[in-house]
């Protein structure tokens, strides 16, 4: 009897062990599938938001359908029209927003990510610092911005002749630029609350690459940048902590801007910043000049010619008056009227 009980206990233990092993295997398999799917989703570039005219091109130049969550592959390009805006999630921690009249290309090789901005402006927001094996760069024609975990905007400043520029709203960005003629390379560190503008001096052999770095305030931000900051409380808090800017002031500036540019200090922004900031001023100044000064001179000339006909008839009665004067010597006025 004792042996039978021991054998039963032993068999039960085996069953329990086998069941436990099976459960663990199932759990591990499910966990692997979960993280695999999460990894695929996290590392997939996809379209998050579109407004106005937005176009997606494949690596061969063909058009791709523009729908929500459309995925991007290496070699694809995104462009916006004059009324367009688009946001792309490069992964769960990296979001970029393309301004109107802008274009960028996506190049990805594993954990190496590169965006080539060929036109306009691109706002970037990286919420987590990159790992040691990760790389994220945004390039213009001659400038490269190394992004490690920060936010800001890189753009072509049309108000400065299309110069490549960078504005950092939080964190630190490492810049480098190379003169294509002399192959001279310069680097610069741009911190939160600073703007860097690149100048290439083609006639110089030395110091042909120059970075102009200036401190900026809330008033220097364009409407496009203000909108990106104010649409996320977490981002705005982080930006204010890094720059010392005032959160309420940012909100007020954005409200005053009316979703338009407050200052043409940013390129991408410049094409619209100048046009967006000028209309309110021109409307205010043009409305009185168009209604009062223009209307009054046109009426006065019309009144003057109307006076001339009134003068002509006055001359005719004077002649008749002379005849009446003659008649008065012979008869009274009533006789002339009757005759």
C-alpha atoms as a PDB file:
ATOM      1  CA  UNK A   1       0.000   0.000   0.000  1.00  0.00           C
ATOM      2  CA  UNK A   2       2.803   2.356   0.847  1.00  0.00           C
ATOM      3  CA  UNK A   3       4.411   1.745  -2.512  1.00  0.00           C
ATOM      4  CA  UNK A   4       1.197   2.426  -4.364  1.00  0.00           C
ATOM      5  CA  UNK A   5       0.739   5.711  -2.525  1.00  0.00           C
ATOM      6  CA  UNK A   6       4.316   6.711  -3.239  1.00  0.00           C
ATOM      7  CA  UNK A   7       3.910   5.864  -6.889  1.00  0.00           C
ATOM      8  CA  UNK A   8       0.720   7.893  -7.022  1.00  0.00           C
ATOM      9  CA  UNK A   9       2.444  10.853  -5.413  1.00  0.00           C
ATOM     10  CA  UNK A  10       5.352  10.552  -7.800  1.00  0.00           C
ATOM     11  CA  UNK A  11       3.076  10.411 -10.812  1.00  0.00           C
ATOM     12  CA  UNK A  12       1.132  13.398  -9.550  1.00  0.00           C
ATOM     13  CA  UNK A  13       4.348  15.363  -9.158  1.00  0.00           C
ATOM     14  CA  UNK A  14       5.309  14.511 -12.715  1.00  0.00           C
ATOM     15  CA  UNK A  15       1.950  15.706 -13.932  1.00  0.00           C
ATOM     16  CA  UNK A  16       2.297  18.933 -11.993  1.00  0.00           C
ATOM     17  CA  UNK A  17       5.801  19.487 -13.317  1.00  0.00           C
ATOM     18  CA  UNK A  18       4.739  18.795 -16.885  1.00  0.00           C
ATOM     19  CA  UNK A  19       1.745  21.114 -16.521  1.00  0.00           C
ATOM     20  CA  UNK A  20       3.946  23.836 -15.059  1.00  0.00           C
ATOM     21  CA  UNK A  21       6.463  23.464 -17.883  1.00  0.00           C
ATOM     22  CA  UNK A  22       3.692  23.679 -20.459  1.00  0.00           C
ATOM     23  CA  UNK A  23       2.233  26.779 -18.836  1.00  0.00           C
ATOM     24  CA  UNK A  24       5.627  28.446 -18.701  1.00  0.00           C
ATOM     25  CA  UNK A  25       6.270  27.585 -22.341  1.00  0.00           C
ATOM     26  CA  UNK A  26       2.920  29.003 -23.381  1.00  0.00           C
ATOM     27  CA  UNK A  27       3.526  32.152 -21.350  1.00  0.00           C
ATOM     28  CA  UNK A  28       6.991  32.656 -22.811  1.00  0.00           C
ATOM     29  CA  UNK A  29       5.695  32.096 -26.337  1.00  0.00           C
ATOM     30  CA  UNK A  30       2.876  34.582 -25.804  1.00  0.00           C
ATOM     31  CA  UNK A  31       5.324  37.065 -24.306  1.00  0.00           C
ATOM     32  CA  UNK A  32       7.661  36.702 -27.268  1.00  0.00           C
ATOM     33  CA  UNK A  33       4.824  37.237 -29.713  1.00  0.00           C
ATOM     34  CA  UNK A  34       3.643  40.281 -27.761  1.00  0.00           C
ATOM     35  CA  UNK A  35       7.054  41.926 -27.706  1.00  0.00           C
ATOM     36  CA  UNK A  36       7.690  41.003 -31.320  1.00  0.00           C
ATOM     37  CA  UNK A  37       4.489  42.722 -32.387  1.00  0.00           C
ATOM     38  CA  UNK A  38       5.226  45.656 -30.139  1.00  0.00           C
ATOM     39  CA  UNK A  39       8.712  45.932 -31.603  1.00  0.00           C
ATOM     40  CA  UNK A  40       7.320  45.906 -35.128  1.00  0.00           C
ATOM     41  CA  UNK A  41       4.803  48.609 -34.228  1.00  0.00           C
ATOM     42  CA  UNK A  42       7.346  50.695 -32.322  1.00  0.00           C
ATOM     43  CA  UNK A  43       9.873  50.645 -35.146  1.00  0.00           C
ATOM     44  CA  UNK A  44       7.405  51.259 -37.964  1.00  0.00           C
ATOM     45  CA  UNK A  45       7.274  54.693 -39.554  1.00  0.00           C
ATOM     46  CA  UNK A  46       3.637  55.623 -40.031  1.00  0.00           C
ATOM     47  CA  UNK A  47       1.532  58.659 -40.884  1.00  0.00           C
ATOM     48  CA  UNK A  48      -0.251  60.014 -37.819  1.00  0.00           C
ATOM     49  CA  UNK A  49      -1.877  63.238 -38.989  1.00  0.00           C
ATOM     50  CA  UNK A  50      -2.631  65.012 -42.246  1.00  0.00           C
ATOM     51  CA  UNK A  51      -4.111  68.391 -43.102  1.00  0.00           C
ATOM     52  CA  UNK A  52      -4.656  69.939 -46.509  1.00  0.00           C
ATOM     53  CA  UNK A  53      -2.554  68.776 -49.470  1.00  0.00           C
ATOM     54  CA  UNK A  54      -0.173  65.935 -48.602  1.00  0.00           C
ATOM     55  CA  UNK A  55       1.690  63.623 -51.006  1.00  0.00           C
ATOM     56  CA  UNK A  56       3.607  60.404 -50.365  1.00  0.00           C
ATOM     57  CA  UNK A  57       6.164  59.100 -52.858  1.00  0.00           C
ATOM     58  CA  UNK A  58       7.871  55.727 -52.963  1.00  0.00           C
ATOM     59  CA  UNK A  59      11.557  55.218 -53.682  1.00  0.00           C
ATOM     60  CA  UNK A  60      10.849  55.061 -57.411  1.00  0.00           C
ATOM     61  CA  UNK A  61       8.976  58.354 -57.495  1.00  0.00           C
ATOM     62  CA  UNK A  62       5.526  56.839 -57.699  1.00  0.00           C
ATOM     63  CA  UNK A  63       2.585  58.039 -55.617  1.00  0.00           C
ATOM     64  CA  UNK A  64       1.291  56.131 -52.612  1.00  0.00           C
ATOM     65  CA  UNK A  65      -2.228  56.471 -51.204  1.00  0.00           C
ATOM     66  CA  UNK A  66      -2.418  59.024 -48.397  1.00  0.00           C
ATOM     67  CA  UNK A  67      -4.446  57.433 -45.612  1.00  0.00           C
ATOM     68  CA  UNK A  68      -4.193  57.373 -41.832  1.00  0.00           C
ATOM     69  CA  UNK A  69      -1.441  55.115 -40.471  1.00  0.00           C
ATOM     70  CA  UNK A  70       0.074  54.567 -43.909  1.00  0.00           C
ATOM     71  CA  UNK A  71       3.517  53.049 -43.386  1.00  0.00           C
ATOM     72  CA  UNK A  72       6.742  54.494 -44.737  1.00  0.00           C
ATOM     73  CA  UNK A  73       9.626  52.489 -46.081  1.00  0.00           C
ATOM     74  CA  UNK A  74      13.222  53.520 -46.532  1.00  0.00           C
ATOM     75  CA  UNK A  75      13.410  55.712 -49.641  1.00  0.00           C
ATOM     76  CA  UNK A  76       9.871  57.067 -49.346  1.00  0.00           C
ATOM     77  CA  UNK A  77       9.297  60.830 -49.372  1.00  0.00           C
ATOM     78  CA  UNK A  78       6.629  63.078 -47.874  1.00  0.00           C
ATOM     79  CA  UNK A  79       5.662  66.512 -49.174  1.00  0.00           C
ATOM     80  CA  UNK A  80       3.037  69.112 -48.284  1.00  0.00           C
ATOM     81  CA  UNK A  81       1.302  71.766 -50.345  1.00  0.00           C
ATOM     82  CA  UNK A  82       0.724  75.404 -49.445  1.00  0.00           C
ATOM     83  CA  UNK A  83      -2.188  74.353 -47.209  1.00  0.00           C
ATOM     84  CA  UNK A  84      -0.674  71.076 -46.030  1.00  0.00           C
ATOM     85  CA  UNK A  85       0.677  69.685 -42.765  1.00  0.00           C
ATOM     86  CA  UNK A  86       1.667  66.128 -41.834  1.00  0.00           C
ATOM     87  CA  UNK A  87       2.943  64.319 -38.730  1.00  0.00           C
ATOM     88  CA  UNK A  88       4.852  61.033 -38.893  1.00  0.00           C
ATOM     89  CA  UNK A  89       5.626  58.668 -36.038  1.00  0.00           C
ATOM     90  CA  UNK A  90       9.121  57.349 -36.682  1.00  0.00           C
ATOM     91  CA  UNK A  91       8.581  55.073 -33.683  1.00  0.00           C
ATOM     92  CA  UNK A  92       6.879  55.345 -30.300  1.00  0.00           C
ATOM     93  CA  UNK A  93       9.361  57.987 -29.070  1.00  0.00           C
ATOM     94  CA  UNK A  94      10.006  60.034 -32.222  1.00  0.00           C
ATOM     95  CA  UNK A  95       7.469  62.262 -33.971  1.00  0.00           C
ATOM     96  CA  UNK A  96       8.193  64.761 -36.736  1.00  0.00           C
ATOM     97  CA  UNK A  97       5.801  67.303 -38.245  1.00  0.00           C
ATOM     98  CA  UNK A  98       6.275  68.678 -41.729  1.00  0.00           C
ATOM     99  CA  UNK A  99       5.178  72.266 -42.328  1.00  0.00           C
ATOM    100  CA  UNK A 100       3.371  73.503 -45.410  1.00  0.00           C
ATOM    101  CA  UNK A 101       5.423  73.787 -48.622  1.00  0.00           C
ATOM    102  CA  UNK A 102       7.946  71.260 -47.312  1.00  0.00           C
ATOM    103  CA  UNK A 103       9.479  67.958 -48.358  1.00  0.00           C
ATOM    104  CA  UNK A 104      11.512  65.266 -46.597  1.00  0.00           C
ATOM    105  CA  UNK A 105      12.898  61.850 -47.463  1.00  0.00           C
ATOM    106  CA  UNK A 106      13.141  58.848 -45.108  1.00  0.00           C
ATOM    107  CA  UNK A 107      16.199  56.610 -45.013  1.00  0.00           C
ATOM    108  CA  UNK A 108      16.294  53.751 -42.501  1.00  0.00           C
ATOM    109  CA  UNK A 109      18.742  50.930 -41.976  1.00  0.00           C
ATOM    110  CA  UNK A 110      17.974  48.975 -38.832  1.00  0.00           C
ATOM    111  CA  UNK A 111      18.337  51.381 -35.933  1.00  0.00           C
ATOM    112  CA  UNK A 112      20.018  53.989 -38.127  1.00  0.00           C
ATOM    113  CA  UNK A 113      17.448  56.623 -39.119  1.00  0.00           C
ATOM    114  CA  UNK A 114      18.002  59.600 -41.384  1.00  0.00           C
ATOM    115  CA  UNK A 115      15.656  62.308 -42.644  1.00  0.00           C
ATOM    116  CA  UNK A 116      16.651  64.510 -45.577  1.00  0.00           C
ATOM    117  CA  UNK A 117      14.849  67.852 -45.577  1.00  0.00           C
ATOM    118  CA  UNK A 118      14.978  69.202 -49.120  1.00  0.00           C
ATOM    119  CA  UNK A 119      12.495  72.033 -48.690  1.00  0.00           C
ATOM    120  CA  UNK A 120      10.628  73.961 -45.990  1.00  0.00           C
ATOM    121  CA  UNK A 121      10.647  73.089 -42.283  1.00  0.00           C
ATOM    122  CA  UNK A 122      10.455  70.058 -40.010  1.00  0.00           C
ATOM    123  CA  UNK A 123       9.628  70.042 -36.296  1.00  0.00           C
ATOM    124  CA  UNK A 124      11.023  67.089 -34.349  1.00  0.00           C
ATOM    125  CA  UNK A 125      10.151  65.782 -30.890  1.00  0.00           C
ATOM    126  CA  UNK A 126      12.088  62.883 -29.363  1.00  0.00           C
ATOM    127  CA  UNK A 127      10.633  62.000 -25.969  1.00  0.00           C
ATOM    128  CA  UNK A 128      13.241  59.400 -24.975  1.00  0.00           C
ATOM    129  CA  UNK A 129      17.002  59.568 -25.272  1.00  0.00           C
ATOM    130  CA  UNK A 130      18.421  57.331 -27.940  1.00  0.00           C
ATOM    131  CA  UNK A 131      20.270  54.183 -26.936  1.00  0.00           C
ATOM    132  CA  UNK A 132      23.940  53.702 -27.656  1.00  0.00           C
ATOM    133  CA  UNK A 133      23.249  51.640 -30.781  1.00  0.00           C
ATOM    134  CA  UNK A 134      20.621  54.061 -32.159  1.00  0.00           C
ATOM    135  CA  UNK A 135      21.176  56.962 -34.518  1.00  0.00           C
ATOM    136  CA  UNK A 136      18.816  59.712 -35.662  1.00  0.00           C
ATOM    137  CA  UNK A 137      19.952  62.500 -37.971  1.00  0.00           C
ATOM    138  CA  UNK A 138      18.155  65.239 -39.874  1.00  0.00           C
ATOM    139  CA  UNK A 139      20.026  66.570 -42.878  1.00  0.00           C
ATOM    140  CA  UNK A 140      19.641  69.565 -45.154  1.00  0.00           C
ATOM    141  CA  UNK A 141      21.733  70.231 -48.251  1.00  0.00           C
ATOM    142  CA  UNK A 142      24.986  70.857 -46.310  1.00  0.00           C
ATOM    143  CA  UNK A 143      24.068  70.587 -42.609  1.00  0.00           C
ATOM    144  CA  UNK A 144      23.496  67.593 -40.322  1.00  0.00           C
ATOM    145  CA  UNK A 145      21.723  67.680 -36.952  1.00  0.00           C
ATOM    146  CA  UNK A 146      22.381  64.792 -34.573  1.00  0.00           C
ATOM    147  CA  UNK A 147      19.269  64.176 -32.461  1.00  0.00           C
ATOM    148  CA  UNK A 148      19.652  62.238 -29.201  1.00  0.00           C
ATOM    149  CA  UNK A 149      16.511  63.178 -27.266  1.00  0.00           C
ATOM    150  CA  UNK A 150      15.285  66.706 -27.796  1.00  0.00           C
ATOM    151  CA  UNK A 151      12.839  68.894 -29.689  1.00  0.00           C
ATOM    152  CA  UNK A 152      13.192  71.746 -32.138  1.00  0.00           C
ATOM    153  CA  UNK A 153      12.789  72.784 -35.744  1.00  0.00           C
ATOM    154  CA  UNK A 154      15.182  72.586 -38.674  1.00  0.00           C
ATOM    155  CA  UNK A 155      14.402  74.700 -41.711  1.00  0.00           C
ATOM    156  CA  UNK A 156      15.488  76.800 -44.671  1.00  0.00           C
ATOM    157  CA  UNK A 157      15.264  80.455 -43.664  1.00  0.00           C
ATOM    158  CA  UNK A 158      13.902  82.183 -46.754  1.00  0.00           C
ATOM    159  CA  UNK A 159      14.111  85.549 -45.005  1.00  0.00           C
ATOM    160  CA  UNK A 160      17.880  85.036 -44.932  1.00  0.00           C
ATOM    161  CA  UNK A 161      18.239  83.819 -48.491  1.00  0.00           C
ATOM    162  CA  UNK A 162      17.290  80.218 -47.752  1.00  0.00           C
ATOM    163  CA  UNK A 163      20.055  79.614 -45.204  1.00  0.00           C
ATOM    164  CA  UNK A 164      19.853  76.331 -43.324  1.00  0.00           C
ATOM    165  CA  UNK A 165      18.876  76.953 -39.707  1.00  0.00           C
ATOM    166  CA  UNK A 166      18.101  75.124 -36.489  1.00  0.00           C
ATOM    167  CA  UNK A 167      16.091  76.204 -33.453  1.00  0.00           C
ATOM    168  CA  UNK A 168      16.269  74.037 -30.309  1.00  0.00           C
ATOM    169  CA  UNK A 169      13.377  74.113 -27.836  1.00  0.00           C
ATOM    170  CA  UNK A 170      14.698  71.539 -25.352  1.00  0.00           C
ATOM    171  CA  UNK A 171      17.839  69.478 -24.938  1.00  0.00           C
ATOM    172  CA  UNK A 172      21.038  69.769 -26.982  1.00  0.00           C
ATOM    173  CA  UNK A 173      21.683  69.199 -30.689  1.00  0.00           C
ATOM    174  CA  UNK A 174      25.069  68.646 -32.301  1.00  0.00           C
ATOM    175  CA  UNK A 175      25.451  70.336 -35.682  1.00  0.00           C
ATOM    176  CA  UNK A 176      27.978  69.763 -38.429  1.00  0.00           C
ATOM    177  CA  UNK A 177      28.330  71.281 -41.880  1.00  0.00           C
ATOM    178  CA  UNK A 178      30.697  70.801 -44.807  1.00  0.00           C
ATOM    179  CA  UNK A 179      31.571  73.222 -47.580  1.00  0.00           C
ATOM    180  CA  UNK A 180      31.122  71.166 -50.775  1.00  0.00           C
ATOM    181  CA  UNK A 181      33.836  73.171 -52.559  1.00  0.00           C
ATOM    182  CA  UNK A 182      36.583  73.226 -49.935  1.00  0.00           C
ATOM    183  CA  UNK A 183      35.403  70.167 -47.962  1.00  0.00           C
ATOM    184  CA  UNK A 184      35.986  72.166 -44.791  1.00  0.00           C
ATOM    185  CA  UNK A 185      33.815  70.904 -41.917  1.00  0.00           C
ATOM    186  CA  UNK A 186      32.711  72.774 -38.813  1.00  0.00           C
ATOM    187  CA  UNK A 187      30.701  71.622 -35.794  1.00  0.00           C
ATOM    188  CA  UNK A 188      28.587  73.461 -33.243  1.00  0.00           C
ATOM    189  CA  UNK A 189      26.551  72.676 -30.146  1.00  0.00           C
ATOM    190  CA  UNK A 190      23.107  74.268 -29.997  1.00  0.00           C
ATOM    191  CA  UNK A 191      21.239  74.276 -26.699  1.00  0.00           C
ATOM    192  CA  UNK A 192      17.640  74.884 -25.713  1.00  0.00           C
ATOM    193  CA  UNK A 193      16.574  78.464 -26.371  1.00  0.00           C
ATOM    194  CA  UNK A 194      19.152  78.993 -29.121  1.00  0.00           C
ATOM    195  CA  UNK A 195      19.007  79.386 -32.882  1.00  0.00           C
ATOM    196  CA  UNK A 196      21.845  78.489 -35.239  1.00  0.00           C
ATOM    197  CA  UNK A 197      22.129  79.713 -38.823  1.00  0.00           C
ATOM    198  CA  UNK A 198      24.636  78.257 -41.273  1.00  0.00           C
ATOM    199  CA  UNK A 199      26.591  80.449 -43.677  1.00  0.00           C
ATOM    200  CA  UNK A 200      28.845  79.053 -46.402  1.00  0.00           C
ATOM    201  CA  UNK A 201      31.455  81.521 -47.725  1.00  0.00           C
ATOM    202  CA  UNK A 202      32.344  80.283 -51.207  1.00  0.00           C
ATOM    203  CA  UNK A 203      35.217  82.750 -51.683  1.00  0.00           C
ATOM    204  CA  UNK A 204      37.136  81.688 -48.593  1.00  0.00           C
ATOM    205  CA  UNK A 205      39.729  78.973 -48.285  1.00  0.00           C
ATOM    206  CA  UNK A 206      39.629  78.973 -44.489  1.00  0.00           C
ATOM    207  CA  UNK A 207      36.681  79.646 -42.203  1.00  0.00           C
ATOM    208  CA  UNK A 208      34.346  79.082 -45.135  1.00  0.00           C
ATOM    209  CA  UNK A 209      31.803  77.419 -42.818  1.00  0.00           C
ATOM    210  CA  UNK A 210      30.253  79.583 -40.125  1.00  0.00           C
ATOM    211  CA  UNK A 211      27.525  79.026 -37.536  1.00  0.00           C
ATOM    212  CA  UNK A 212      25.771  82.085 -36.112  1.00  0.00           C
ATOM    213  CA  UNK A 213      24.218  81.128 -32.768  1.00  0.00           C
ATOM    214  CA  UNK A 214      21.798  83.508 -31.033  1.00  0.00           C
ATOM    215  CA  UNK A 215      19.642  83.368 -27.936  1.00  0.00           C
ATOM    216  CA  UNK A 216      15.916  83.542 -28.649  1.00  0.00           C
ATOM    217  CA  UNK A 217      12.778  84.334 -26.664  1.00  0.00           C
ATOM    218  CA  UNK A 218       9.144  83.341 -26.910  1.00  0.00           C
ATOM    219  CA  UNK A 219       8.478  86.271 -29.257  1.00  0.00           C
ATOM    220  CA  UNK A 220      10.957  84.872 -31.785  1.00  0.00           C
ATOM    221  CA  UNK A 221       8.931  81.703 -32.318  1.00  0.00           C
ATOM    222  CA  UNK A 222       6.807  81.283 -35.406  1.00  0.00           C
ATOM    223  CA  UNK A 223       3.157  80.313 -35.344  1.00  0.00           C
ATOM    224  CA  UNK A 224       4.082  76.840 -36.611  1.00  0.00           C
ATOM    225  CA  UNK A 225       6.474  76.251 -33.694  1.00  0.00           C
ATOM    226  CA  UNK A 226       4.085  77.735 -31.151  1.00  0.00           C
ATOM    227  CA  UNK A 227       1.372  75.380 -32.332  1.00  0.00           C
ATOM    228  CA  UNK A 228       3.646  72.347 -31.934  1.00  0.00           C
ATOM    229  CA  UNK A 229       4.550  73.370 -28.383  1.00  0.00           C
ATOM    230  CA  UNK A 230       1.059  74.291 -27.197  1.00  0.00           C
ATOM    231  CA  UNK A 231      -0.619  71.127 -28.470  1.00  0.00           C
ATOM    232  CA  UNK A 232       1.270  69.051 -25.872  1.00  0.00           C
ATOM    233  CA  UNK A 233       1.345  70.057 -22.202  1.00  0.00           C
ATOM    234  CA  UNK A 234       4.137  67.587 -21.478  1.00  0.00           C
ATOM    235  CA  UNK A 235       6.306  69.028 -24.241  1.00  0.00           C
ATOM    236  CA  UNK A 236       5.570  72.613 -23.234  1.00  0.00           C
ATOM    237  CA  UNK A 237       6.477  71.908 -19.603  1.00  0.00           C
ATOM    238  CA  UNK A 238       9.757  70.343 -20.681  1.00  0.00           C
ATOM    239  CA  UNK A 239      10.543  73.226 -23.033  1.00  0.00           C
ATOM    240  CA  UNK A 240       9.854  75.830 -20.345  1.00  0.00           C
ATOM    241  CA  UNK A 241      12.062  73.954 -17.883  1.00  0.00           C
ATOM    242  CA  UNK A 242      14.937  73.911 -20.374  1.00  0.00           C
ATOM    243  CA  UNK A 243      14.582  77.464 -21.705  1.00  0.00           C
ATOM    244  CA  UNK A 244      13.033  79.434 -18.847  1.00  0.00           C
ATOM    245  CA  UNK A 245      10.196  80.518 -21.120  1.00  0.00           C
ATOM    246  CA  UNK A 246       6.759  81.210 -19.688  1.00  0.00           C
ATOM    247  CA  UNK A 247       4.035  78.655 -20.402  1.00  0.00           C
ATOM    248  CA  UNK A 248       1.177  81.157 -20.303  1.00  0.00           C
ATOM    249  CA  UNK A 249       3.094  83.519 -22.561  1.00  0.00           C
ATOM    250  CA  UNK A 250       3.517  80.787 -25.149  1.00  0.00           C
ATOM    251  CA  UNK A 251      -0.223  80.144 -25.079  1.00  0.00           C
ATOM    252  CA  UNK A 252      -1.037  83.849 -25.352  1.00  0.00           C
ATOM    253  CA  UNK A 253       1.365  84.303 -28.251  1.00  0.00           C
ATOM    254  CA  UNK A 254      -0.219  81.406 -30.072  1.00  0.00           C
ATOM    255  CA  UNK A 255      -3.696  82.801 -29.482  1.00  0.00           C
ATOM    256  CA  UNK A 256      -2.624  86.245 -30.647  1.00  0.00           C
ATOM    257  CA  UNK A 257      -1.034  84.743 -33.715  1.00  0.00           C
ATOM    258  CA  UNK A 258      -4.322  83.153 -34.663  1.00  0.00           C
ATOM    259  CA  UNK A 259      -2.517  79.987 -35.788  1.00  0.00           C
ATOM    260  CA  UNK A 260      -0.323  82.151 -37.960  1.00  0.00           C
ATOM    261  CA  UNK A 261       3.234  83.377 -37.757  1.00  0.00           C
ATOM    262  CA  UNK A 262       4.033  86.031 -35.202  1.00  0.00           C
ATOM    263  CA  UNK A 263       7.464  86.697 -36.658  1.00  0.00           C
ATOM    264  CA  UNK A 264       9.204  85.618 -39.873  1.00  0.00           C
ATOM    265  CA  UNK A 265      12.175  84.253 -37.947  1.00  0.00           C
ATOM    266  CA  UNK A 266      11.914  80.752 -39.319  1.00  0.00           C
ATOM    267  CA  UNK A 267      12.348  79.713 -42.812  1.00  0.00           C
ATOM    268  CA  UNK A 268       9.977  77.172 -43.584  1.00  0.00           C
ATOM    269  CA  UNK A 269       7.933  79.419 -41.858  1.00  0.00           C
ATOM    270  CA  UNK A 270       9.122  82.411 -43.729  1.00  0.00           C
ATOM    271  CA  UNK A 271       7.066  81.939 -46.855  1.00  0.00           C
ATOM    272  CA  UNK A 272       3.960  82.041 -44.746  1.00  0.00           C
ATOM    273  CA  UNK A 273       5.284  84.019 -41.838  1.00  0.00           C
ATOM    274  CA  UNK A 274       5.681  87.115 -43.951  1.00  0.00           C
ATOM    275  CA  UNK A 275       2.371  86.684 -45.694  1.00  0.00           C
ATOM    276  CA  UNK A 276       0.594  85.642 -42.515  1.00  0.00           C
ATOM    277  CA  UNK A 277       1.836  88.506 -40.415  1.00  0.00           C
ATOM    278  CA  UNK A 278       1.327  91.205 -43.003  1.00  0.00           C
ATOM    279  CA  UNK A 279      -2.363  90.789 -43.866  1.00  0.00           C
ATOM    280  CA  UNK A 280      -3.650  91.946 -40.455  1.00  0.00           C
ATOM    281  CA  UNK A 281      -1.503  95.070 -40.727  1.00  0.00           C
ATOM    282  CA  UNK A 282      -2.362  95.815 -44.315  1.00  0.00           C
ATOM    283  CA  UNK A 283      -6.054  95.345 -43.627  1.00  0.00           C
ATOM    284  CA  UNK A 284      -5.906  97.810 -40.773  1.00  0.00           C
ATOM    285  CA  UNK A 285      -4.069 100.414 -42.814  1.00  0.00           C
ATOM    286  CA  UNK A 286      -5.771  99.812 -46.110  1.00  0.00           C
ATOM    287  CA  UNK A 287      -9.337  99.927 -44.911  1.00  0.00           C
ATOM    288  CA  UNK A 288      -9.353 103.658 -44.055  1.00  0.00           C
ATOM    289  CA  UNK A 289      -7.303 104.693 -47.059  1.00  0.00           C
ATOM    290  CA  UNK A 290      -9.439 102.707 -49.446  1.00  0.00           C
ATOM    291  CA  UNK A 291     -12.769 104.017 -48.202  1.00  0.00           C
ATOM    292  CA  UNK A 292     -12.206 107.668 -47.328  1.00  0.00           C
ATOM    293  CA  UNK A 293      -9.313 109.106 -49.340  1.00  0.00           C
ATOM    294  CA  UNK A 294     -10.210 107.278 -52.517  1.00  0.00           C
ATOM    295  CA  UNK A 295     -13.899 107.984 -52.348  1.00  0.00           C
ATOM    296  CA  UNK A 296     -13.677 111.719 -51.598  1.00  0.00           C
ATOM    297  CA  UNK A 297     -11.460 112.712 -54.526  1.00  0.00           C
ATOM    298  CA  UNK A 298     -13.676 110.890 -56.985  1.00  0.00           C
ATOM    299  CA  UNK A 299     -16.774 112.699 -55.746  1.00  0.00           C
ATOM    300  CA  UNK A 300     -15.279 116.179 -55.788  1.00  0.00           C
ATOM    301  CA  UNK A 301     -14.435 116.147 -59.499  1.00  0.00           C
ATOM    302  CA  UNK A 302     -17.981 115.030 -60.224  1.00  0.00           C
ATOM    303  CA  UNK A 303     -19.423 117.926 -58.280  1.00  0.00           C
ATOM    304  CA  UNK A 304     -17.264 120.521 -60.042  1.00  0.00           C
ATOM    305  CA  UNK A 305     -18.567 119.772 -63.515  1.00  0.00           C
ATOM    306  CA  UNK A 306     -22.113 119.952 -62.181  1.00  0.00           C
ATOM    307  CA  UNK A 307     -21.488 123.557 -61.168  1.00  0.00           C
ATOM    308  CA  UNK A 308     -20.493 124.575 -64.690  1.00  0.00           C
ATOM    309  CA  UNK A 309     -23.887 123.942 -66.219  1.00  0.00           C
ATOM    310  CA  UNK A 310     -25.400 126.047 -63.440  1.00  0.00           C
ATOM    311  CA  UNK A 311     -23.157 128.936 -64.409  1.00  0.00           C
ATOM    312  CA  UNK A 312     -24.076 128.800 -68.085  1.00  0.00           C
ATOM    313  CA  UNK A 313     -27.765 129.336 -67.544  1.00  0.00           C
ATOM    314  CA  UNK A 314     -26.932 132.238 -65.256  1.00  0.00           C
ATOM    315  CA  UNK A 315     -25.274 133.963 -68.172  1.00  0.00           C
ATOM    316  CA  UNK A 316     -28.337 133.599 -70.408  1.00  0.00           C
ATOM    317  CA  UNK A 317     -30.643 135.284 -67.992  1.00  0.00           C
ATOM    318  CA  UNK A 318     -28.214 138.168 -67.820  1.00  0.00           C
ATOM    319  CA  UNK A 319     -28.701 138.712 -71.529  1.00  0.00           C
ATOM    320  CA  UNK A 320     -32.440 138.523 -71.137  1.00  0.00           C
ATOM    321  CA  UNK A 321     -32.120 140.843 -68.239  1.00  0.00           C
ATOM    322  CA  UNK A 322     -30.542 143.307 -70.588  1.00  0.00           C
ATOM    323  CA  UNK A 323     -33.499 142.985 -72.930  1.00  0.00           C
ATOM    324  CA  UNK A 324     -35.812 143.390 -69.991  1.00  0.00           C
ATOM    325  CA  UNK A 325     -34.008 146.508 -69.040  1.00  0.00           C
ATOM    326  CA  UNK A 326     -34.660 147.816 -72.481  1.00  0.00           C
ATOM    327  CA  UNK A 327     -38.262 146.771 -72.247  1.00  0.00           C
ATOM    328  CA  UNK A 328     -38.708 148.509 -68.950  1.00  0.00           C
ATOM    329  CA  UNK A 329     -38.230 151.803 -70.600  1.00  0.00           C
ATOM    330  CA  UNK A 330     -41.220 151.083 -72.806  1.00  0.00           C
ATOM    331  CA  UNK A 331     -43.474 148.780 -70.826  1.00  0.00           C
ATOM    332  CA  UNK A 332     -43.577 146.785 -67.524  1.00  0.00           C
ATOM    333  CA  UNK A 333     -42.390 143.150 -67.058  1.00  0.00           C
ATOM    334  CA  UNK A 334     -45.855 141.652 -67.405  1.00  0.00           C
ATOM    335  CA  UNK A 335     -46.177 142.783 -70.907  1.00  0.00           C
ATOM    336  CA  UNK A 336     -42.950 141.082 -71.958  1.00  0.00           C
ATOM    337  CA  UNK A 337     -44.096 137.860 -70.423  1.00  0.00           C
ATOM    338  CA  UNK A 338     -47.346 137.883 -72.228  1.00  0.00           C
ATOM    339  CA  UNK A 339     -45.854 138.799 -75.546  1.00  0.00           C
END
